[in-house]
Protein backbone atom coordinates (compact mmCIF):
# COMPACT_ATOMS: atom_id res chain seq x y z
CA MET A 1 -0.12 -0.29 0.05
CA SER A 2 1.48 3.28 -1.08
CA LYS A 3 1.77 6.26 1.36
CA THR A 4 -0.59 8.06 -0.51
CA SER A 5 -3.36 5.40 -0.40
CA PHE A 6 -2.80 4.78 3.04
CA SER A 7 -2.95 8.67 3.99
CA ALA A 8 -6.53 8.52 1.69
CA GLU A 9 -7.93 5.30 3.89
CA ILE A 10 -6.84 7.01 7.33
CA LEU A 11 -8.61 10.36 5.81
CA ASN A 12 -11.64 8.48 4.63
CA SER A 13 -12.07 6.81 8.02
CA SER A 14 -11.13 9.79 10.04
CA SER A 15 -13.85 11.62 8.22
CA LEU A 16 -16.54 8.85 9.03
CA HIS A 17 -15.70 8.68 12.50
CA LEU A 18 -16.17 12.32 12.75
CA ASP A 19 -19.40 12.68 11.16
CA ILE A 20 -20.52 9.74 13.51
CA VAL A 21 -19.07 11.67 16.51
CA ASP A 22 -20.65 14.73 15.59
CA GLU A 23 -24.03 12.99 15.38
CA PHE A 24 -23.68 11.35 18.69
CA ILE A 25 -22.94 14.78 20.05
CA ALA A 26 -26.19 16.19 18.68
CA ILE A 27 -28.04 13.39 20.10
CA THR A 28 -26.40 13.87 23.47
CA GLN A 29 -26.86 17.59 23.63
CA SER A 30 -30.38 17.08 22.66
CA LYS A 31 -31.20 14.62 25.43
CA LEU A 32 -29.16 16.76 27.97
CA THR A 33 -31.50 19.65 27.23
CA GLY A 34 -34.29 17.28 28.16
CA ALA A 35 -32.84 15.53 31.18
CA THR A 36 -34.67 16.25 34.21
CA SER A 37 -32.35 14.17 36.55
CA GLU A 38 -29.20 15.71 38.19
CA PHE A 39 -27.77 12.28 37.64
CA ALA A 40 -28.49 11.83 33.85
CA ARG A 41 -27.41 15.57 33.33
CA ASP A 42 -24.05 14.98 35.12
CA SER A 43 -23.73 11.60 33.24
CA LEU A 44 -24.36 13.21 29.73
CA THR A 45 -22.21 16.05 30.48
CA ASP A 46 -19.61 13.66 31.13
CA LEU A 47 -20.40 11.70 27.99
CA LEU A 48 -20.30 14.99 25.96
CA SER A 49 -16.81 15.82 27.33
CA GLY A 50 -15.42 12.44 26.08
CA LEU A 51 -17.14 13.14 22.92
CA THR A 52 -15.87 16.44 22.05
CA ALA A 53 -12.38 15.23 22.93
CA GLN A 54 -12.73 12.49 20.37
CA ARG A 55 -13.95 15.11 18.16
CA GLU A 56 -10.78 17.37 18.60
CA THR A 57 -8.62 14.17 17.97
CA TYR A 58 -10.45 13.29 14.68
CA ARG A 59 -10.24 16.70 13.61
CA ALA A 60 -6.49 16.78 14.53
CA VAL A 61 -5.88 13.67 12.48
CA LEU A 62 -7.50 15.28 9.36
CA ALA A 63 -5.50 18.53 9.70
CA THR A 64 -2.64 16.51 9.70
CA ILE A 65 -3.37 14.13 6.22
CA GLN A 66 -5.07 16.52 4.35
CA PRO A 67 -2.28 18.31 3.04
CA VAL A 68 -0.49 15.19 2.06
CA THR A 69 -3.35 14.01 -0.11
CA ALA A 70 -3.44 17.59 -1.74
CA LEU A 71 -0.14 17.25 -2.59
CA ALA A 72 -0.60 13.76 -4.26
CA ALA A 73 -3.45 14.99 -6.29
């Protein structure tokens, strides 16, 4: 597998994962808005924190990979 195709695979996978994490974040925020229990709000806030951290990781990966694939094009 060439460096370019490997980078493209990572880019595609990271983009897909980022989309899914963004969807989970939206769902979590929606559920957090409607939560009436303090325990549920705390739990969802913790989940949201973890999802946000994952989103930033995928964004960092994408920022690193995109210039490599742009040069190969």
